[in-house]
C-alpha atoms as a PDB file:
ATOM      1  CA  GLU A   1      23.573 190.206  93.964  1.00  0.00           C
ATOM      2  CA  CYS A   2      26.213 189.142  91.461  1.00  0.00           C
ATOM      3  CA  MET A   3      23.882 186.792  89.583  1.00  0.00           C
ATOM      4  CA  ASN A   4      20.671 188.807  90.044  1.00  0.00           C
ATOM      5  CA  THR A   5      19.029 185.576  91.168  1.00  0.00           C
ATOM      6  CA  ARG A   6      19.478 182.858  93.760  1.00  0.00           C
ATOM      7  CA  PRO A   7      18.170 179.370  94.556  1.00  0.00           C
ATOM      8  CA  GLY A   8      14.669 179.205  96.001  1.00  0.00           C
ATOM      9  CA  ALA A   9      12.551 176.786  97.981  1.00  0.00           C
ATOM     10  CA  ASN A  10      11.209 175.037  94.872  1.00  0.00           C
ATOM     11  CA  ASP A  11      14.587 174.578  93.204  1.00  0.00           C
ATOM     12  CA  ILE A  12      16.787 171.490  93.202  1.00  0.00           C
ATOM     13  CA  VAL A  13      20.354 172.188  94.335  1.00  0.00           C
ATOM     14  CA  PHE A  14      23.269 169.804  93.756  1.00  0.00           C
ATOM     15  CA  ASP A  15      26.251 170.663  95.959  1.00  0.00           C
ATOM     16  CA  LEU A  16      29.374 168.944  94.635  1.00  0.00           C
ATOM     17  CA  GLY A  17      32.266 168.475  97.029  1.00  0.00           C
ATOM     18  CA  ALA A  18      29.903 169.444  99.819  1.00  0.00           C
ATOM     19  CA  SER A  19      31.711 168.243 102.958  1.00  0.00           C
ATOM     20  CA  PRO A  20      31.670 169.506 105.647  1.00  0.00           C
ATOM     21  CA  GLY A  21      28.697 171.498 104.379  1.00  0.00           C
ATOM     22  CA  GLY A  22      29.467 175.201 103.966  1.00  0.00           C
ATOM     23  CA  TRP A  23      27.530 175.736 100.740  1.00  0.00           C
ATOM     24  CA  THR A  24      24.841 173.258 101.795  1.00  0.00           C
ATOM     25  CA  SER A  25      24.298 175.260 104.981  1.00  0.00           C
ATOM     26  CA  VAL A  26      24.017 178.507 103.007  1.00  0.00           C
ATOM     27  CA  MET A  27      21.490 176.975 100.622  1.00  0.00           C
ATOM     28  CA  ARG A  28      19.410 175.633 103.498  1.00  0.00           C
ATOM     29  CA  ASN A  29      19.612 178.383 106.095  1.00  0.00           C
ATOM     30  CA  ILE A  30      19.927 181.525 103.970  1.00  0.00           C
ATOM     31  CA  CYS A  31      18.207 180.603 100.688  1.00  0.00           C
ATOM     32  CA  TYR A  32      15.716 178.270 102.432  1.00  0.00           C
ATOM     33  CA  CYS A  33      16.085 175.579  99.791  1.00  0.00           C
ATOM     34  CA  ASP A  34      13.977 172.485 100.490  1.00  0.00           C
ATOM     35  CA  ASN A  35      15.638 170.072  98.081  1.00  0.00           C
ATOM     36  CA  ILE A  36      19.426 169.877  98.410  1.00  0.00           C
ATOM     37  CA  ILE A  37      21.526 166.931  97.230  1.00  0.00           C
ATOM     38  CA  SER A  38      25.035 167.065  98.697  1.00  0.00           C
ATOM     39  CA  ILE A  39      27.747 164.910  97.125  1.00  0.00           C
ATOM     40  CA  ASP A  40      31.124 164.123  98.651  1.00  0.00           C
ATOM     41  CA  ARG A  41      33.373 161.240  99.618  1.00  0.00           C
ATOM     42  CA  SER A  42      33.439 162.594 103.171  1.00  0.00           C
ATOM     43  CA  SER A  43      30.420 162.984 105.421  1.00  0.00           C
ATOM     44  CA  LEU A  44      28.457 166.151 106.077  1.00  0.00           C
ATOM     45  CA  ASP A  45      28.323 167.881 109.415  1.00  0.00           C
ATOM     46  CA  ALA A  46      26.003 165.904 111.698  1.00  0.00           C
ATOM     47  CA  ALA A  47      23.456 168.714 112.037  1.00  0.00           C
ATOM     48  CA  LEU A  48      23.090 168.995 108.261  1.00  0.00           C
ATOM     49  CA  ASP A  49      22.940 165.231 107.859  1.00  0.00           C
ATOM     50  CA  ARG A  50      19.890 165.143 110.143  1.00  0.00           C
ATOM     51  CA  ASP A  51      18.006 167.696 108.045  1.00  0.00           C
ATOM     52  CA  ASP A  52      15.275 165.953 106.046  1.00  0.00           C
ATOM     53  CA  LYS A  53      15.555 168.579 103.283  1.00  0.00           C
ATOM     54  CA  ILE A  54      19.149 167.545 102.591  1.00  0.00           C
ATOM     55  CA  THR A  55      20.058 164.280 100.862  1.00  0.00           C
ATOM     56  CA  PHE A  56      23.656 163.144 101.206  1.00  0.00           C
ATOM     57  CA  VAL A  57      25.195 161.039  98.423  1.00  0.00           C
ATOM     58  CA  LYS A  58      28.581 159.510  99.171  1.00  0.00           C
ATOM     59  CA  GLY A  59      30.642 159.621  95.986  1.00  0.00           C
ATOM     60  CA  ASP A  60      33.001 161.419  93.634  1.00  0.00           C
ATOM     61  CA  ALA A  61      31.847 164.835  92.452  1.00  0.00           C
ATOM     62  CA  PHE A  62      33.452 164.308  89.029  1.00  0.00           C
ATOM     63  CA  THR A  63      31.773 160.975  88.285  1.00  0.00           C
ATOM     64  CA  PHE A  64      28.417 161.784  89.875  1.00  0.00           C
ATOM     65  CA  ASP A  65      25.517 161.554  87.409  1.00  0.00           C
ATOM     66  CA  PRO A  66      22.331 163.329  88.556  1.00  0.00           C
ATOM     67  CA  SER A  67      20.127 161.812  85.833  1.00  0.00           C
ATOM     68  CA  SER A  68      18.478 159.172  88.013  1.00  0.00           C
ATOM     69  CA  ILE A  69      17.675 161.663  90.775  1.00  0.00           C
ATOM     70  CA  LEU A  70      16.270 164.181  88.290  1.00  0.00           C
ATOM     71  CA  SER A  71      14.209 161.476  86.578  1.00  0.00           C
ATOM     72  CA  GLN A  72      12.817 160.248  89.882  1.00  0.00           C
ATOM     73  CA  GLN A  73      11.811 163.721  90.997  1.00  0.00           C
ATOM     74  CA  GLN A  74      10.385 164.471  87.577  1.00  0.00           C
ATOM     75  CA  GLN A  75       8.173 161.386  87.766  1.00  0.00           C
ATOM     76  CA  GLN A  76       6.939 162.396  91.200  1.00  0.00           C
ATOM     77  CA  LYS A  77       5.969 165.849  89.920  1.00  0.00           C
ATOM     78  CA  GLN A  78       4.770 164.935  86.401  1.00  0.00           C
ATOM     79  CA  PRO A  79       3.948 161.227  86.183  1.00  0.00           C
ATOM     80  CA  GLN A  80       1.960 161.778  83.000  1.00  0.00           C
ATOM     81  CA  LYS A  81       4.720 163.473  80.995  1.00  0.00           C
ATOM     82  CA  GLN A  82       7.800 162.141  79.252  1.00  0.00           C
ATOM     83  CA  GLY A  83      10.988 163.847  78.097  1.00  0.00           C
ATOM     84  CA  ARG A  84      14.242 165.233  79.382  1.00  0.00           C
ATOM     85  CA  PRO A  85      14.210 165.454  83.182  1.00  0.00           C
ATOM     86  CA  SER A  86      13.554 168.914  84.548  1.00  0.00           C
ATOM     87  CA  ASN A  87      12.110 170.562  87.625  1.00  0.00           C
ATOM     88  CA  LYS A  88       8.576 171.770  86.890  1.00  0.00           C
ATOM     89  CA  ASP A  89       8.238 174.218  89.759  1.00  0.00           C
ATOM     90  CA  GLY A  90      11.724 175.652  89.776  1.00  0.00           C
ATOM     91  CA  VAL A  91      15.158 175.294  88.273  1.00  0.00           C
ATOM     92  CA  VAL A  92      18.098 173.006  88.894  1.00  0.00           C
ATOM     93  CA  TRP A  93      21.271 174.473  90.380  1.00  0.00           C
ATOM     94  CA  MET A  94      24.751 172.980  90.524  1.00  0.00           C
ATOM     95  CA  ILE A  95      27.272 174.349  92.998  1.00  0.00           C
ATOM     96  CA  SER A  96      30.871 173.146  93.020  1.00  0.00           C
ATOM     97  CA  ASP A  97      33.592 174.120  95.461  1.00  0.00           C
ATOM     98  CA  VAL A  98      35.650 171.001  94.781  1.00  0.00           C
ATOM     99  CA  ILE A  99      39.391 171.162  95.422  1.00  0.00           C
ATOM    100  CA  ALA A 100      40.805 170.304  91.997  1.00  0.00           C
ATOM    101  CA  HIS A 101      42.981 171.631  89.202  1.00  0.00           C
ATOM    102  CA  PRO A 102      41.218 174.183  86.952  1.00  0.00           C
ATOM    103  CA  GLU A 103      41.276 171.735  84.031  1.00  0.00           C
ATOM    104  CA  ARG A 104      39.167 169.309  86.043  1.00  0.00           C
ATOM    105  CA  CYS A 105      36.651 172.048  86.774  1.00  0.00           C
ATOM    106  CA  THR A 106      36.402 172.757  83.050  1.00  0.00           C
ATOM    107  CA  GLU A 107      35.741 169.049  82.450  1.00  0.00           C
ATOM    108  CA  LEU A 108      33.041 169.152  85.115  1.00  0.00           C
ATOM    109  CA  LEU A 109      31.419 172.129  83.417  1.00  0.00           C
ATOM    110  CA  GLU A 110      31.504 170.329  80.081  1.00  0.00           C
ATOM    111  CA  ALA A 111      29.669 167.325  81.524  1.00  0.00           C
ATOM    112  CA  TRP A 112      26.966 169.362  83.221  1.00  0.00           C
ATOM    113  CA  CYS A 113      26.462 171.857  80.388  1.00  0.00           C
ATOM    114  CA  SER A 114      26.473 169.313  77.557  1.00  0.00           C
ATOM    115  CA  ASN A 115      23.863 167.202  79.376  1.00  0.00           C
ATOM    116  CA  GLN A 116      21.954 170.293  80.536  1.00  0.00           C
ATOM    117  CA  TRP A 117      21.647 168.783  83.989  1.00  0.00           C
ATOM    118  CA  ALA A 118      21.358 172.237  85.579  1.00  0.00           C
ATOM    119  CA  GLN A 119      20.062 175.608  84.445  1.00  0.00           C
ATOM    120  CA  ASN A 120      22.180 177.669  86.847  1.00  0.00           C
ATOM    121  CA  MET A 121      25.666 176.936  88.173  1.00  0.00           C
ATOM    122  CA  ILE A 122      28.191 178.369  90.614  1.00  0.00           C
ATOM    123  CA  VAL A 123      31.639 176.838  90.143  1.00  0.00           C
ATOM    124  CA  THR A 124      34.834 177.834  91.932  1.00  0.00           C
ATOM    125  CA  MET A 125      38.059 177.367  89.982  1.00  0.00           C
ATOM    126  CA  LYS A 126      41.091 177.066  92.251  1.00  0.00           C
ATOM    127  CA  PHE A 127      44.505 178.146  90.988  1.00  0.00           C
ATOM    128  CA  GLN A 128      47.856 177.419  92.609  1.00  0.00           C
ATOM    129  CA  SER A 129      49.041 180.975  92.037  1.00  0.00           C
ATOM    130  CA  ASP A 130      47.530 183.780  89.976  1.00  0.00           C
ATOM    131  CA  PRO A 131      44.476 182.802  87.897  1.00  0.00           C
ATOM    132  CA  MET A 132      45.380 181.284  84.517  1.00  0.00           C
ATOM    133  CA  MET A 133      43.516 183.413  82.008  1.00  0.00           C
ATOM    134  CA  ASP A 134      43.747 180.828  79.228  1.00  0.00           C
ATOM    135  CA  GLU A 135      41.961 178.202  81.313  1.00  0.00           C
ATOM    136  CA  LEU A 136      39.422 180.728  82.533  1.00  0.00           C
ATOM    137  CA  ASP A 137      38.662 181.887  78.994  1.00  0.00           C
ATOM    138  CA  LYS A 138      38.423 178.253  77.883  1.00  0.00           C
ATOM    139  CA  ALA A 139      35.824 177.502  80.551  1.00  0.00           C
ATOM    140  CA  ILE A 140      33.750 180.577  79.715  1.00  0.00           C
ATOM    141  CA  GLN A 141      33.951 179.872  75.974  1.00  0.00           C
ATOM    142  CA  LEU A 142      32.857 176.298  76.654  1.00  0.00           C
ATOM    143  CA  VAL A 143      29.714 177.191  78.556  1.00  0.00           C
ATOM    144  CA  HIS A 144      28.790 179.766  75.907  1.00  0.00           C
ATOM    145  CA  ASN A 145      29.190 177.200  73.135  1.00  0.00           C
ATOM    146  CA  LEU A 146      26.992 174.756  75.047  1.00  0.00           C
ATOM    147  CA  GLY A 147      24.109 177.207  75.266  1.00  0.00           C
ATOM    148  CA  TYR A 148      24.687 179.010  78.561  1.00  0.00           C
ATOM    149  CA  LYS A 149      24.782 182.641  77.477  1.00  0.00           C
ATOM    150  CA  HIS A 150      25.213 184.369  80.816  1.00  0.00           C
ATOM    151  CA  CYS A 151      28.542 183.702  82.500  1.00  0.00           C
ATOM    152  CA  ARG A 152      30.372 185.961  84.930  1.00  0.00           C
ATOM    153  CA  ALA A 153      33.766 185.427  86.491  1.00  0.00           C
ATOM    154  CA  LYS A 154      34.265 186.927  89.930  1.00  0.00           C
ATOM    155  CA  HIS A 155      37.318 187.161  92.153  1.00  0.00           C
ATOM    156  CA  PHE A 156      35.968 187.756  95.631  1.00  0.00           C
ATOM    157  CA  PHE A 157      38.292 189.622  97.957  1.00  0.00           C
ATOM    158  CA  SER A 158      38.720 186.780 100.482  1.00  0.00           C
ATOM    159  CA  ASN A 159      39.163 184.000  97.916  1.00  0.00           C
ATOM    160  CA  LYS A 160      42.859 184.627  97.174  1.00  0.00           C
ATOM    161  CA  ASN A 161      43.668 182.418  94.128  1.00  0.00           C
ATOM    162  CA  GLU A 162      40.102 181.284  93.498  1.00  0.00           C
ATOM    163  CA  VAL A 163      37.772 182.566  90.775  1.00  0.00           C
ATOM    164  CA  THR A 164      34.033 181.959  90.927  1.00  0.00           C
ATOM    165  CA  LEU A 165      32.093 181.338  87.709  1.00  0.00           C
ATOM    166  CA  MET A 166      28.395 182.205  87.851  1.00  0.00           C
ATOM    167  CA  ILE A 167      26.448 180.676  84.979  1.00  0.00           C
ATOM    168  CA  ILE A 168      22.817 181.131  83.960  1.00  0.00           C
ATOM    169  CA  GLN A 169      21.250 179.343  81.012  1.00  0.00           C
ATOM    170  CA  ASN A 170      17.981 181.235  80.688  1.00  0.00           C
ATOM    171  CA  GLU A 171      17.892 185.031  80.722  1.00  0.00           C
ATOM    172  CA  ASP A 172      14.374 184.867  82.216  1.00  0.00           C
ATOM    173  CA  ALA A 173      16.059 183.808  85.485  1.00  0.00           C
ATOM    174  CA  LEU A 174      17.804 187.165  85.766  1.00  0.00           C
ATOM    175  CA  LEU A 175      16.200 189.547  88.230  1.00  0.00           C
ATOM    176  CA  SER A 176      16.399 193.300  87.913  1.00  0.00           C
ATOM    177  CA  SER A 177      18.863 194.878  90.329  1.00  0.00           C
ATOM    178  CA  SER A 178      20.383 198.317  90.719  1.00  0.00           C
ATOM    179  CA  THR A 179      23.622 196.873  92.130  1.00  0.00           C
ATOM    180  CA  ALA A 180      24.526 194.330  89.463  1.00  0.00           C
ATOM    181  CA  SER A 181      24.831 194.587  85.709  1.00  0.00           C
ATOM    182  CA  THR A 182      22.705 192.271  83.572  1.00  0.00           C
ATOM    183  CA  GLN A 183      24.979 192.678  80.587  1.00  0.00           C
ATOM    184  CA  PRO A 184      25.852 189.287  79.059  1.00  0.00           C
ATOM    185  CA  ALA A 185      29.501 188.294  79.333  1.00  0.00           C
ATOM    186  CA  ASP A 186      29.908 188.145  75.576  1.00  0.00           C
ATOM    187  CA  ARG A 187      29.309 191.915  75.337  1.00  0.00           C
ATOM    188  CA  LEU A 188      31.866 192.999  77.881  1.00  0.00           C
ATOM    189  CA  VAL A 189      34.581 195.334  76.702  1.00  0.00           C
ATOM    190  CA  PRO A 190      38.301 194.923  77.485  1.00  0.00           C
ATOM    191  CA  GLY A 191      39.187 195.793  81.064  1.00  0.00           C
ATOM    192  CA  GLU A 192      35.586 195.742  82.310  1.00  0.00           C
ATOM    193  CA  ILE A 193      34.879 194.032  85.593  1.00  0.00           C
ATOM    194  CA  ILE A 194      32.993 190.801  85.008  1.00  0.00           C
ATOM    195  CA  GLY A 195      30.115 190.818  87.481  1.00  0.00           C
ATOM    196  CA  SER A 196      28.738 193.208  90.041  1.00  0.00           C
ATOM    197  CA  SER A 197      30.789 196.058  91.442  1.00  0.00           C
ATOM    198  CA  LEU A 198      29.325 195.370  94.887  1.00  0.00           C
ATOM    199  CA  TYR A 199      32.407 193.429  95.999  1.00  0.00           C
ATOM    200  CA  PRO A 200      36.135 193.940  95.313  1.00  0.00           C
ATOM    201  CA  SER A 201      36.882 192.243  92.027  1.00  0.00           C
ATOM    202  CA  ALA A 202      39.691 191.284  89.750  1.00  0.00           C
ATOM    203  CA  ILE A 203      39.695 192.801  86.278  1.00  0.00           C
ATOM    204  CA  PHE A 204      39.955 190.175  83.594  1.00  0.00           C
ATOM    205  CA  PRO A 205      40.825 190.529  79.900  1.00  0.00           C
ATOM    206  CA  SER A 206      38.056 190.657  77.354  1.00  0.00           C
ATOM    207  CA  ILE A 207      36.081 187.542  76.602  1.00  0.00           C
ATOM    208  CA  PRO A 208      35.906 186.414  72.972  1.00  0.00           C
ATOM    209  CA  ASN A 209      32.802 187.568  71.171  1.00  0.00           C
ATOM    210  CA  HIS A 210      30.398 184.656  70.821  1.00  0.00           C
ATOM    211  CA  LYS A 211      28.298 184.763  67.715  1.00  0.00           C
END
């Protein structure tokens, strides 16, 4: 609802910091995704690990490079074509719920956005106390500058000191919805809630206008 879109069966989903598998389970059992790559130093829940639609990669979420996986899947789908890896039949999603300082999450966003490894992203920034607006603004400004024009920040009621960034590169991915605004983040006015009003939200300061 908040993004006006969600992963589908034909999409590739990278779940960073996946263990024990909360987001992976949602992607598989609610969104019915058939191509999930879960990355973590710790193992997934045994039931998820047995699912042939889920590939577990043991490693560090911050140093993980999806290029080889994207290239391999691209070759399987389009062996006759060359170019930057992409998913012909769907889009690539990156989901991160890694426990890390907000600065590290911004670095993660920079790597994924600058390389355009994913078209859509859901990244949770975890703060030790109240959300740091400077770091939040920095992250949103970064993704805008790197070509991702739709970015919403959402403070879900049960997430305490966590803020979820929902990022979409291509406006064609946005679905019409009566419950969520499709207004780009760079046009929000001061004091406006960033994201859908469907859930309790925090009100953030205005986001710099991106020309």
